[in-house]
């Protein structure tokens, strides 16, 4: 950094002591530059190759199941944001340590940055369907970080001897702060610039240009009686922005429908590949279907009901002609995620579909645009693949989909469950008539009865709202004549076959939680 100075001027430069605090600041700034530059390079190699995203994706793939469940319990649908923030905090701490080491032994700082780069390279190369160029963001970012570390510490380290000690210290401090400022601005510009360029490459415009076909079979339309109109009760139809999102994607895949293809292969007599235009040209159905995540705890909100437009999956599979023994359909996302659905379930007449629309508009990008699977009656981890790219016919004996080696059940029919939406837990309500209301679901079986009890007393039958089919949830309500005191409310549902939901509390792993939802309220 001093090469442009004359020999005489360079001779008047001396070292000024650097502190551990200087080193920590320099390390964090250098890491910021590394991340920012890597984001910029990732515009060329794909957002999944950026170090933070790649490392986050690796963590999602390898975190113990208990850690995943804890993250969902704590952060819900913001678990990926929490992961990225947590990764950034750990990186900052690591970078600060690197900077402190570099104060005394510069080569230790460079070694730490090299380790950081190697981790990023290794994580990026594990991403699905990437080439060697995936290593480029981390490599270039590490080089930029090392150069920044050396420059910033160098700015702190040398000043002119023409001034006194106090002035030398002040000059050194100004040089250091100037270097930190320049580096921080550079990191911000590179990082934000890279992210903005990535956003500009999104498929929002392509999605906006999609004109959905009209369904030949629209099914039943939700009657007004499907919504009871109770305050704080979950609506019968969940809005697209409110619909839960649980998946393994750290960054939302951007799939251009112009280049999208669906490959159906494996143990079939007639392998086939469909383009976006060919998919939209096929006969469509439109159905209300309630989807649920297996990670939904008792009383949780990882469930939603929407009106889906799509191509019946049964017809496509029959055209492909599954071979004997092909008892599993593996759906694969563009980012490599896999879900394994029982072939029999996709051929038994339920309205399983390759969905292209959600509540009257093209699929939102974060919910799988341009195409995803919707399968009534199965938890999402074995059926609801977003950003769909492949359907492979295989067997459960030959292949384990993404979540199976992590301790989840191979086949996961949705269990009968119910939830109290109002009054909410901990709420104080006025004595008198209190409306207790919520939703209940038992996809593929339907809900026949919902009951509520107070403080473990007798079960009281609730009033059920209308519903469209056995594949959606039902709202319910019960009027309680409440007197002052503290109470515990519980709800249970019974399906159309007469089987009540399971009372015993069990965790979500391996095939979905069971137990009665319980809320405690105070009546004043």
Protein backbone atom coordinates (compact mmCIF):
# COMPACT_ATOMS: atom_id res chain seq x y z
CA UNK A 1 0.00 0.00 0.00
CA UNK A 2 3.02 2.28 0.35
CA UNK A 3 4.67 1.54 -2.98
CA UNK A 4 3.78 4.94 -4.45
CA UNK A 5 5.66 6.89 -1.76
CA UNK A 6 9.15 8.19 -2.48
CA UNK A 7 12.10 6.45 -0.83
CA UNK A 8 12.72 9.50 1.36
CA UNK A 9 9.16 9.67 2.56
CA UNK A 10 9.02 5.91 3.18
CA UNK A 11 12.11 6.22 5.36
CA UNK A 12 10.25 8.60 7.67
CA UNK A 13 7.55 5.98 8.42
CA UNK A 14 7.61 4.00 11.65
CA UNK A 15 5.34 1.39 13.24
CA UNK A 16 2.67 2.44 15.71
CA UNK A 17 1.36 -0.17 18.16
CA UNK A 18 -1.83 -1.91 17.19
CA UNK A 19 -4.29 -3.02 19.87
CA UNK A 20 -6.42 -6.14 20.04
CA UNK A 21 -9.43 -3.92 19.50
CA UNK A 22 -7.88 -2.65 16.27
CA UNK A 23 -7.34 -6.23 15.17
CA UNK A 24 -10.92 -7.27 16.00
CA UNK A 25 -12.35 -4.33 14.04
CA UNK A 26 -10.05 -5.02 11.11
CA UNK A 27 -11.05 -8.69 11.10
CA UNK A 28 -14.77 -7.95 11.06
CA UNK A 29 -14.38 -5.38 8.28
CA UNK A 30 -12.25 -7.80 6.25
CA UNK A 31 -14.92 -10.47 6.62
CA UNK A 32 -17.55 -7.96 5.49
CA UNK A 33 -15.52 -7.22 2.37
CA UNK A 34 -15.11 -10.95 1.72
CA UNK A 35 -18.86 -11.55 1.98
CA UNK A 36 -19.71 -8.49 -0.10
CA UNK A 37 -17.31 -9.36 -2.90
CA UNK A 38 -18.51 -12.98 -2.84
CA UNK A 39 -22.12 -11.79 -3.21
CA UNK A 40 -21.07 -9.79 -6.25
CA UNK A 41 -19.31 -12.77 -7.84
CA UNK A 42 -22.29 -15.01 -7.03
CA UNK A 43 -24.37 -12.94 -9.44
CA UNK A 44 -22.48 -14.87 -12.14
CA UNK A 45 -22.37 -18.29 -10.47
CA UNK A 46 -25.80 -18.35 -8.81
CA UNK A 47 -27.09 -17.16 -5.42
CA UNK A 48 -26.70 -20.62 -3.86
CA UNK A 49 -22.90 -20.33 -4.27
CA UNK A 50 -22.55 -17.23 -2.07
CA UNK A 51 -20.73 -18.27 1.15
CA UNK A 52 -23.44 -17.37 3.67
CA UNK A 53 -26.14 -19.07 1.62
CA UNK A 54 -23.99 -22.12 0.83
CA UNK A 55 -22.93 -22.61 4.45
CA UNK A 56 -26.51 -22.05 5.60
CA UNK A 57 -27.71 -24.67 3.13
CA UNK A 58 -25.10 -27.13 4.37
CA UNK A 59 -26.21 -26.52 7.95
CA UNK A 60 -29.86 -27.15 7.01
CA UNK A 61 -28.84 -30.43 5.38
CA UNK A 62 -26.78 -31.65 8.34
CA UNK A 63 -28.26 -30.12 11.50
CA UNK A 64 -29.57 -32.75 13.95
CA UNK A 65 -33.33 -33.17 13.87
CA UNK A 66 -33.65 -31.76 17.38
CA UNK A 67 -31.96 -28.56 16.19
CA UNK A 68 -34.31 -28.24 13.23
CA UNK A 69 -37.39 -28.67 15.40
CA UNK A 70 -36.05 -26.18 17.93
CA UNK A 71 -35.51 -23.61 15.16
CA UNK A 72 -39.06 -24.05 13.85
CA UNK A 73 -40.52 -23.90 17.37
CA UNK A 74 -38.61 -20.69 18.13
CA UNK A 75 -38.77 -18.88 14.80
CA UNK A 76 -41.53 -20.60 12.79
CA UNK A 77 -41.46 -19.58 9.14
CA UNK A 78 -38.55 -17.19 9.86
CA UNK A 79 -36.18 -20.06 10.67
CA UNK A 80 -34.05 -19.42 7.55
CA UNK A 81 -33.70 -15.73 8.40
CA UNK A 82 -32.66 -16.69 11.92
CA UNK A 83 -30.12 -19.12 10.50
CA UNK A 84 -28.54 -16.49 8.26
CA UNK A 85 -28.41 -13.98 11.11
CA UNK A 86 -26.90 -16.56 13.44
CA UNK A 87 -24.33 -17.56 10.82
CA UNK A 88 -23.41 -13.90 10.34
CA UNK A 89 -22.96 -13.40 14.08
CA UNK A 90 -20.70 -16.46 14.34
CA UNK A 91 -18.74 -15.28 11.32
CA UNK A 92 -18.26 -11.85 12.91
CA UNK A 93 -16.96 -13.45 16.11
CA UNK A 94 -14.62 -15.69 14.13
CA UNK A 95 -13.43 -12.73 12.06
CA UNK A 96 -12.76 -10.67 15.17
CA UNK A 97 -10.59 -13.50 16.49
CA UNK A 98 -8.71 -13.66 13.20
CA UNK A 99 -8.04 -9.94 13.40
CA UNK A 100 -6.71 -10.21 16.97
CA UNK A 101 -4.32 -12.95 15.88
CA UNK A 102 -3.21 -10.87 12.91
CA UNK A 103 -2.08 -8.01 15.16
CA UNK A 104 0.90 -10.07 16.32
CA UNK A 105 1.28 -12.62 13.56
CA UNK A 106 -0.11 -11.44 10.26
CA UNK A 107 0.17 -14.90 8.72
CA UNK A 108 -2.26 -16.26 11.36
CA UNK A 109 -4.87 -13.79 10.16
CA UNK A 110 -4.33 -14.85 6.57
CA UNK A 111 -4.56 -18.50 7.59
CA UNK A 112 -7.89 -17.81 9.31
CA UNK A 113 -9.26 -16.13 6.20
CA UNK A 114 -8.05 -19.06 4.10
CA UNK A 115 -9.95 -21.40 6.42
CA UNK A 116 -13.04 -19.24 6.05
CA UNK A 117 -12.68 -19.40 2.27
CA UNK A 118 -12.18 -23.17 2.32
CA UNK A 119 -15.38 -23.63 4.33
CA UNK A 120 -17.28 -21.52 1.82
CA UNK A 121 -15.83 -23.45 -1.12
CA UNK A 122 -16.62 -26.80 0.44
CA UNK A 123 -20.19 -25.79 1.26
CA UNK A 124 -20.80 -24.33 -2.22
CA UNK A 125 -19.59 -27.49 -3.95
CA UNK A 126 -22.11 -29.58 -1.99
CA UNK A 127 -25.06 -27.72 -3.51
CA UNK A 128 -27.20 -29.58 -5.99
CA UNK A 129 -26.29 -29.42 -9.66
CA UNK A 130 -23.40 -26.94 -9.41
CA UNK A 131 -20.03 -27.06 -11.18
CA UNK A 132 -16.53 -26.09 -10.13
CA UNK A 133 -17.34 -22.43 -10.71
CA UNK A 134 -19.39 -22.61 -7.49
CA UNK A 135 -16.07 -22.24 -5.64
CA UNK A 136 -15.35 -18.87 -7.25
CA UNK A 137 -17.31 -16.55 -4.89
CA UNK A 138 -15.62 -17.90 -1.77
CA UNK A 139 -12.17 -17.89 -3.37
CA UNK A 140 -12.41 -14.33 -4.66
CA UNK A 141 -14.05 -13.19 -1.44
CA UNK A 142 -11.25 -14.71 0.66
CA UNK A 143 -8.58 -12.97 -1.43
CA UNK A 144 -10.42 -9.65 -1.07
CA UNK A 145 -10.75 -10.21 2.68
CA UNK A 146 -7.04 -10.99 3.08
CA UNK A 147 -6.04 -7.90 1.12
CA UNK A 148 -8.40 -5.77 3.22
CA UNK A 149 -7.04 -7.14 6.48
CA UNK A 150 -3.47 -6.35 5.49
CA UNK A 151 -4.35 -2.89 4.23
CA UNK A 152 -6.42 -1.82 7.23
CA UNK A 153 -3.85 -3.00 9.76
CA UNK A 154 -1.12 -1.41 7.65
CA UNK A 155 -2.94 1.93 7.78
CA UNK A 156 -2.85 1.71 11.58
CA UNK A 157 0.72 0.58 11.70
CA UNK A 158 2.85 3.32 10.13
CA UNK A 159 3.02 7.07 10.50
CA UNK A 160 5.62 9.80 9.95
CA UNK A 161 8.36 10.31 12.58
CA UNK A 162 8.36 14.06 11.96
CA UNK A 163 5.71 14.57 14.64
CA UNK A 164 5.59 13.81 18.35
CA UNK A 165 4.39 10.58 19.90
CA UNK A 166 0.90 11.85 20.64
CA UNK A 167 0.49 13.16 17.12
CA UNK A 168 1.86 9.93 15.71
CA UNK A 169 -0.79 8.02 17.63
CA UNK A 170 -3.51 10.40 16.43
CA UNK A 171 -2.33 10.15 12.82
CA UNK A 172 -2.23 6.36 13.05
CA UNK A 173 -5.71 6.28 14.48
CA UNK A 174 -7.04 8.51 11.70
CA UNK A 175 -5.42 6.35 9.05
CA UNK A 176 -6.89 3.25 10.64
CA UNK A 177 -10.39 4.70 10.88
CA UNK A 178 -10.16 5.91 7.32
CA UNK A 179 -9.18 2.45 6.16
CA UNK A 180 -11.98 0.87 8.16
CA UNK A 181 -14.46 3.34 6.73
CA UNK A 182 -13.38 2.78 3.13
CA UNK A 183 -13.44 -0.98 3.58
CA UNK A 184 -16.86 -0.95 5.26
CA UNK A 185 -18.33 1.18 2.48
CA UNK A 186 -16.79 -1.10 -0.11
CA UNK A 187 -18.26 -4.16 1.62
CA UNK A 188 -21.70 -2.54 1.77
CA UNK A 189 -21.63 -1.48 -1.87
CA UNK A 190 -20.45 -4.90 -3.07
CA UNK A 191 -22.89 -6.84 -0.90
CA UNK A 192 -25.94 -4.70 -1.59
CA UNK A 193 -25.00 -4.37 -5.25
CA UNK A 194 -24.65 -8.12 -5.62
CA UNK A 195 -27.96 -8.75 -3.90
CA UNK A 196 -29.73 -6.12 -6.02
CA UNK A 197 -28.37 -7.63 -9.21
CA UNK A 198 -29.58 -11.04 -8.07
CA UNK A 199 -33.04 -9.63 -7.37
CA UNK A 200 -33.09 -8.03 -10.82
CA UNK A 201 -32.52 -11.51 -12.21
CA UNK A 202 -35.60 -12.82 -10.41
CA UNK A 203 -38.50 -14.31 -12.34
CA UNK A 204 -41.06 -11.80 -11.06
CA UNK A 205 -41.61 -10.37 -14.53
CA UNK A 206 -42.00 -13.83 -16.03
CA UNK A 207 -44.53 -14.76 -13.36
CA UNK A 208 -46.45 -11.54 -13.90
CA UNK A 209 -46.73 -12.38 -17.60
CA UNK A 210 -48.31 -15.80 -16.99
CA UNK A 211 -51.93 -16.16 -18.04
CA UNK A 212 -53.41 -19.13 -16.22
CA UNK A 213 -55.68 -21.43 -18.20
CA UNK A 214 -59.27 -22.00 -17.14
CA UNK A 215 -59.95 -25.21 -15.28
CA UNK A 216 -62.22 -27.63 -17.07
CA UNK A 217 -63.22 -29.08 -13.70
CA UNK A 218 -63.59 -26.38 -11.04
CA UNK A 219 -65.06 -28.56 -8.30
CA UNK A 220 -67.19 -27.15 -5.54
CA UNK A 221 -67.09 -23.45 -4.69
CA UNK A 222 -66.77 -22.58 -1.01
CA UNK A 223 -70.19 -21.52 0.30
CA UNK A 224 -70.55 -18.44 2.53
CA UNK A 225 -71.32 -20.81 5.42
CA UNK A 226 -67.74 -22.10 5.28
CA UNK A 227 -66.67 -18.95 7.15
CA UNK A 228 -68.38 -18.42 10.50
CA UNK A 229 -67.32 -14.77 10.69
CA UNK A 230 -65.98 -15.01 14.26
CA UNK A 231 -63.40 -12.40 15.24
CA UNK A 232 -59.85 -13.78 15.47
CA UNK A 233 -60.92 -17.06 13.83
CA UNK A 234 -58.65 -18.25 11.00
CA UNK A 235 -60.36 -17.64 7.61
CA UNK A 236 -61.49 -20.65 5.61
CA UNK A 237 -59.17 -19.63 2.76
CA UNK A 238 -55.63 -18.65 3.68
CA UNK A 239 -54.23 -15.70 1.72
CA UNK A 240 -51.09 -16.30 -0.28
CA UNK A 241 -49.05 -13.91 1.86
CA UNK A 242 -50.25 -15.58 5.05
CA UNK A 243 -49.73 -19.15 3.89
CA UNK A 244 -47.00 -20.88 5.87
CA UNK A 245 -43.68 -21.63 4.21
CA UNK A 246 -41.42 -24.40 5.49
CA UNK A 247 -38.74 -25.78 3.16
CA UNK A 248 -35.01 -26.33 2.95
CA UNK A 249 -34.25 -23.48 0.54
CA UNK A 250 -32.09 -20.72 2.07
CA UNK A 251 -32.70 -18.56 -1.00
CA UNK A 252 -35.89 -18.86 -3.02
CA UNK A 253 -35.14 -20.61 -6.35
CA UNK A 254 -35.78 -18.42 -9.39
CA UNK A 255 -37.09 -20.70 -12.13
CA UNK A 256 -37.84 -19.22 -15.54
CA UNK A 257 -40.90 -20.94 -17.02
CA UNK A 258 -39.40 -20.43 -20.49
CA UNK A 259 -36.66 -22.94 -19.66
CA UNK A 260 -38.54 -25.05 -17.09
CA UNK A 261 -39.09 -28.74 -17.82
CA UNK A 262 -40.63 -31.60 -15.90
CA UNK A 263 -38.99 -34.97 -16.38
CA UNK A 264 -40.96 -38.12 -15.53
CA UNK A 265 -38.66 -41.14 -15.54
CA UNK A 266 -37.40 -44.13 -13.60
CA UNK A 267 -39.35 -47.36 -13.44
CA UNK A 268 -41.85 -46.43 -16.14
CA UNK A 269 -42.55 -47.79 -19.59
CA UNK A 270 -42.99 -44.34 -21.17
CA UNK A 271 -40.54 -41.72 -19.85
CA UNK A 272 -41.63 -38.22 -20.74
CA UNK A 273 -40.58 -34.59 -20.48
CA UNK A 274 -43.01 -31.68 -20.38
CA UNK A 275 -42.29 -28.02 -21.08
CA UNK A 276 -44.19 -25.20 -19.40
CA UNK A 277 -46.33 -24.66 -22.50
CA UNK A 278 -47.15 -28.36 -22.70
CA UNK A 279 -48.12 -28.47 -19.04
CA UNK A 280 -50.46 -25.49 -19.35
CA UNK A 281 -52.07 -27.03 -22.43
CA UNK A 282 -53.26 -30.07 -20.47
CA UNK A 283 -56.71 -30.28 -18.84
CA UNK A 284 -56.76 -28.51 -15.48
CA UNK A 285 -58.66 -29.00 -12.25
CA UNK A 286 -59.22 -26.50 -9.44
CA UNK A 287 -59.66 -27.64 -5.84
CA UNK A 288 -59.58 -26.41 -2.25
CA UNK A 289 -56.91 -28.40 -0.42
CA UNK A 290 -55.57 -27.90 3.10
CA UNK A 291 -51.82 -28.50 3.38
CA UNK A 292 -50.08 -29.19 6.69
CA UNK A 293 -46.45 -29.40 7.76
CA UNK A 294 -45.39 -32.41 9.82
CA UNK A 295 -43.46 -29.97 12.05
CA UNK A 296 -46.71 -28.34 13.13
CA UNK A 297 -47.02 -28.67 16.92
CA UNK A 298 -50.38 -29.21 18.60
CA UNK A 299 -52.20 -25.91 18.18
CA UNK A 300 -49.63 -24.63 15.69
CA UNK A 301 -50.14 -22.53 12.56
CA UNK A 302 -48.04 -24.45 10.02
CA UNK A 303 -51.17 -25.28 8.07
CA UNK A 304 -53.22 -23.45 5.46
CA UNK A 305 -56.09 -23.88 3.01
CA UNK A 306 -56.00 -22.58 -0.55
CA UNK A 307 -57.70 -23.05 -3.92
CA UNK A 308 -55.18 -24.73 -6.20
CA UNK A 309 -55.16 -24.94 -10.00
CA UNK A 310 -53.21 -27.71 -11.64
CA UNK A 311 -52.84 -30.79 -13.81
CA UNK A 312 -54.13 -34.05 -12.29
CA UNK A 313 -51.09 -36.11 -11.36
CA UNK A 314 -52.83 -39.43 -11.82
CA UNK A 315 -53.25 -38.87 -15.56
CA UNK A 316 -49.57 -38.06 -16.05
CA UNK A 317 -48.46 -41.10 -14.08
CA UNK A 318 -50.78 -43.41 -15.99
CA UNK A 319 -49.40 -42.07 -19.27
CA UNK A 320 -45.88 -42.78 -18.03
CA UNK A 321 -47.06 -46.32 -17.11
CA UNK A 322 -45.40 -47.27 -13.79
CA UNK A 323 -43.77 -50.67 -13.75
CA UNK A 324 -44.42 -53.39 -11.21
CA UNK A 325 -42.79 -52.64 -7.88
CA UNK A 326 -42.62 -48.87 -8.44
CA UNK A 327 -44.32 -48.11 -5.13
CA UNK A 328 -42.74 -44.68 -4.60
CA UNK A 329 -42.84 -41.46 -6.62
CA UNK A 330 -39.84 -39.28 -5.80
CA UNK A 331 -40.48 -35.63 -6.56
CA UNK A 332 -37.31 -33.56 -6.93
CA UNK A 333 -36.94 -29.80 -6.70
CA UNK A 334 -34.60 -27.71 -8.83
CA UNK A 335 -32.38 -27.31 -5.74
CA UNK A 336 -32.12 -31.05 -5.13
CA UNK A 337 -34.72 -31.50 -2.38
CA UNK A 338 -36.63 -34.79 -2.64
CA UNK A 339 -39.93 -36.07 -1.26
CA UNK A 340 -41.18 -39.63 -1.57
CA UNK A 341 -44.92 -40.22 -2.02
CA UNK A 342 -46.63 -43.63 -2.14
CA UNK A 343 -47.53 -44.32 -5.75
CA UNK A 344 -50.82 -45.84 -4.63
CA UNK A 345 -51.83 -42.60 -2.91
CA UNK A 346 -51.26 -40.62 -6.11
CA UNK A 347 -53.37 -43.04 -8.12
CA UNK A 348 -56.27 -43.65 -5.70
CA UNK A 349 -58.51 -40.88 -7.04
CA UNK A 350 -57.60 -38.05 -4.66
CA UNK A 351 -57.03 -34.66 -6.28
CA UNK A 352 -53.24 -34.84 -6.35
CA UNK A 353 -51.96 -32.32 -8.87
CA UNK A 354 -49.03 -30.45 -10.32
CA UNK A 355 -50.21 -27.02 -9.24
CA UNK A 356 -49.54 -23.86 -11.24
CA UNK A 357 -52.03 -21.52 -9.55
CA UNK A 358 -52.90 -20.56 -5.98
CA UNK A 359 -56.05 -18.64 -5.04
CA UNK A 360 -56.60 -17.42 -8.58
CA UNK A 361 -53.07 -16.27 -9.44
CA UNK A 362 -49.87 -17.98 -10.60
CA UNK A 363 -48.00 -19.66 -7.76
CA UNK A 364 -46.05 -17.14 -5.68
CA UNK A 365 -42.32 -17.60 -6.24
CA UNK A 366 -41.76 -18.56 -2.61
CA UNK A 367 -44.49 -21.20 -2.88
CA UNK A 368 -42.97 -23.01 -5.83
CA UNK A 369 -43.42 -21.04 -9.06
CA UNK A 370 -43.74 -22.20 -11.75
CA UNK A 371 -44.97 -25.63 -10.56
CA UNK A 372 -45.25 -27.64 -7.36
CA UNK A 373 -46.98 -30.74 -6.03
CA UNK A 374 -50.21 -30.60 -4.03
CA UNK A 375 -51.35 -33.91 -2.58
CA UNK A 376 -54.34 -34.02 -0.22
CA UNK A 377 -53.93 -36.06 2.94
CA UNK A 378 -50.14 -36.34 3.14
CA UNK A 379 -47.82 -34.17 5.20
CA UNK A 380 -45.76 -31.80 3.10
CA UNK A 381 -42.40 -33.47 3.63
CA UNK A 382 -43.56 -36.52 1.63
CA UNK A 383 -45.60 -34.75 -1.00
CA UNK A 384 -45.54 -30.95 -1.36
CA UNK A 385 -42.35 -30.43 -3.39
CA UNK A 386 -41.95 -26.84 -4.62
CA UNK A 387 -40.04 -25.68 -7.72
CA UNK A 388 -40.72 -29.11 -9.17
CA UNK A 389 -38.24 -30.48 -11.72
CA UNK A 390 -38.55 -34.28 -11.72
CA UNK A 391 -40.83 -37.18 -10.88
CA UNK A 392 -38.95 -40.46 -10.59
CA UNK A 393 -40.75 -43.77 -10.16
CA UNK A 394 -38.80 -46.01 -7.82
CA UNK A 395 -39.42 -48.04 -4.65
CA UNK A 396 -39.18 -47.34 -0.94
CA UNK A 397 -36.67 -50.17 -0.73
CA UNK A 398 -34.37 -48.50 -3.25
CA UNK A 399 -34.42 -44.83 -2.27
CA UNK A 400 -34.85 -42.69 0.85
CA UNK A 401 -36.03 -39.13 0.21
CA UNK A 402 -34.52 -36.10 1.95
CA UNK A 403 -36.14 -36.35 5.39
CA UNK A 404 -36.21 -40.15 5.81
CA UNK A 405 -32.55 -40.64 6.86
CA UNK A 406 -33.16 -37.81 9.36
CA UNK A 407 -35.61 -39.88 11.36
CA UNK A 408 -38.97 -39.16 9.78
CA UNK A 409 -41.48 -41.82 8.71
CA UNK A 410 -41.60 -42.93 5.08
CA UNK A 411 -45.38 -42.68 4.80
CA UNK A 412 -47.09 -39.80 6.57
CA UNK A 413 -50.88 -39.47 6.32
CA UNK A 414 -52.11 -36.31 8.05
CA UNK A 415 -53.53 -36.98 11.51
CA UNK A 416 -56.84 -35.72 12.85
CA UNK A 417 -56.24 -32.47 14.72
CA UNK A 418 -58.10 -29.43 16.03
CA UNK A 419 -57.11 -26.00 17.28
CA UNK A 420 -58.59 -23.21 19.41
CA UNK A 421 -58.05 -19.84 17.73
CA UNK A 422 -60.12 -17.73 20.12
CA UNK A 423 -59.87 -16.98 22.95
CA UNK A 424 -56.12 -17.19 22.71
CA UNK A 425 -53.94 -18.54 25.51
CA UNK A 426 -53.39 -16.14 28.39
CA UNK A 427 -56.17 -13.80 27.29
CA UNK A 428 -58.56 -12.22 29.76
CA UNK A 429 -62.21 -12.26 28.70
CA UNK A 430 -65.34 -10.75 30.20
CA UNK A 431 -67.83 -12.95 32.05
CA UNK A 432 -70.94 -13.92 30.11
CA UNK A 433 -71.24 -15.50 26.69
CA UNK A 434 -67.78 -16.24 25.31
CA UNK A 435 -67.42 -17.59 21.77
CA UNK A 436 -64.81 -20.34 21.60
CA UNK A 437 -63.84 -21.07 17.99
CA UNK A 438 -61.17 -22.65 15.85
CA UNK A 439 -60.46 -25.09 13.03
CA UNK A 440 -60.23 -28.88 12.75
CA UNK A 441 -58.87 -31.11 10.00
CA UNK A 442 -58.60 -34.74 8.93
CA UNK A 443 -57.76 -34.65 5.24
CA UNK A 444 -59.09 -37.59 3.19
CA UNK A 445 -61.45 -38.50 6.07
CA UNK A 446 -63.19 -35.24 6.92
CA UNK A 447 -64.44 -33.87 10.23
CA UNK A 448 -67.80 -35.02 11.64
CA UNK A 449 -67.67 -33.66 15.20
CA UNK A 450 -65.77 -31.11 17.27
CA UNK A 451 -66.14 -30.95 21.04
CA UNK A 452 -64.89 -28.58 23.75
CA UNK A 453 -64.52 -29.09 27.47
CA UNK A 454 -63.75 -26.75 30.34
CA UNK A 455 -61.44 -27.74 33.21
CA UNK A 456 -61.61 -31.41 32.26
CA UNK A 457 -65.41 -31.53 32.46
CA UNK A 458 -67.91 -33.08 30.08
CA UNK A 459 -67.37 -32.67 26.36
CA UNK A 460 -69.71 -30.14 24.71
CA UNK A 461 -70.50 -30.39 21.00
CA UNK A 462 -69.51 -27.39 18.88
CA UNK A 463 -71.26 -26.09 15.78
CA UNK A 464 -69.48 -26.92 12.54
CA UNK A 465 -69.23 -24.62 9.53
CA UNK A 466 -69.90 -25.89 6.03
CA UNK A 467 -67.00 -27.26 4.05
CA UNK A 468 -66.19 -28.03 0.43
CA UNK A 469 -64.73 -31.51 0.80
CA UNK A 470 -62.98 -33.93 3.11
CA UNK A 471 -59.66 -32.47 1.92
CA UNK A 472 -60.07 -29.15 3.75
CA UNK A 473 -60.30 -28.05 7.33
CA UNK A 474 -63.58 -26.97 8.99
CA UNK A 475 -64.26 -24.02 11.21
CA UNK A 476 -66.18 -24.61 14.44
CA UNK A 477 -67.64 -22.53 17.28
CA UNK A 478 -69.07 -23.10 20.76
CA UNK A 479 -70.74 -20.61 23.09
CA UNK A 480 -69.55 -20.77 26.69
CA UNK A 481 -71.40 -19.17 29.57
CA UNK A 482 -68.34 -18.10 31.51
CA UNK A 483 -68.16 -16.98 35.13
CA UNK A 484 -65.16 -15.25 36.77
CA UNK A 485 -62.15 -17.46 37.38
CA UNK A 486 -59.29 -19.23 35.65
CA UNK A 487 -60.05 -21.96 33.17
CA UNK A 488 -58.48 -24.54 30.91
CA UNK A 489 -60.16 -25.10 27.54
CA UNK A 490 -59.53 -28.21 25.44
CA UNK A 491 -60.78 -29.29 22.02
CA UNK A 492 -60.99 -32.60 20.21
CA UNK A 493 -62.22 -33.63 16.77
CA UNK A 494 -63.66 -36.84 15.36
CA UNK A 495 -63.36 -37.85 11.72
CA UNK A 496 -66.16 -39.10 9.46
CA UNK A 497 -65.22 -42.68 10.26
CA UNK A 498 -66.01 -42.13 13.93
CA UNK A 499 -62.39 -42.14 15.08
CA UNK A 500 -61.51 -39.36 17.54
CA UNK A 501 -58.16 -37.63 17.52
CA UNK A 502 -55.47 -39.06 19.76
CA UNK A 503 -55.39 -37.55 23.25
CA UNK A 504 -51.85 -38.57 24.16
CA UNK A 505 -49.29 -35.85 23.54
CA UNK A 506 -46.51 -36.91 21.18
CA UNK A 507 -43.84 -34.81 19.43
CA UNK A 508 -43.80 -34.05 15.74
CA UNK A 509 -41.10 -36.65 14.99
CA UNK A 510 -41.47 -39.14 13.33
CA UNK A 511 -44.89 -38.69 11.71
CA UNK A 512 -46.72 -35.72 13.21
CA UNK A 513 -47.78 -34.49 16.65
CA UNK A 514 -50.83 -35.71 18.54
CA UNK A 515 -52.71 -34.43 21.59
CA UNK A 516 -55.51 -32.06 22.54
CA UNK A 517 -54.91 -28.36 22.06
CA UNK A 518 -55.23 -26.65 25.43
CA UNK A 519 -55.50 -22.93 26.24
CA UNK A 520 -55.71 -21.26 29.63
CA UNK A 521 -57.80 -18.11 30.00
CA UNK A 522 -58.96 -15.80 32.76
CA UNK A 523 -62.59 -14.68 33.02
CA UNK A 524 -63.02 -11.34 34.79
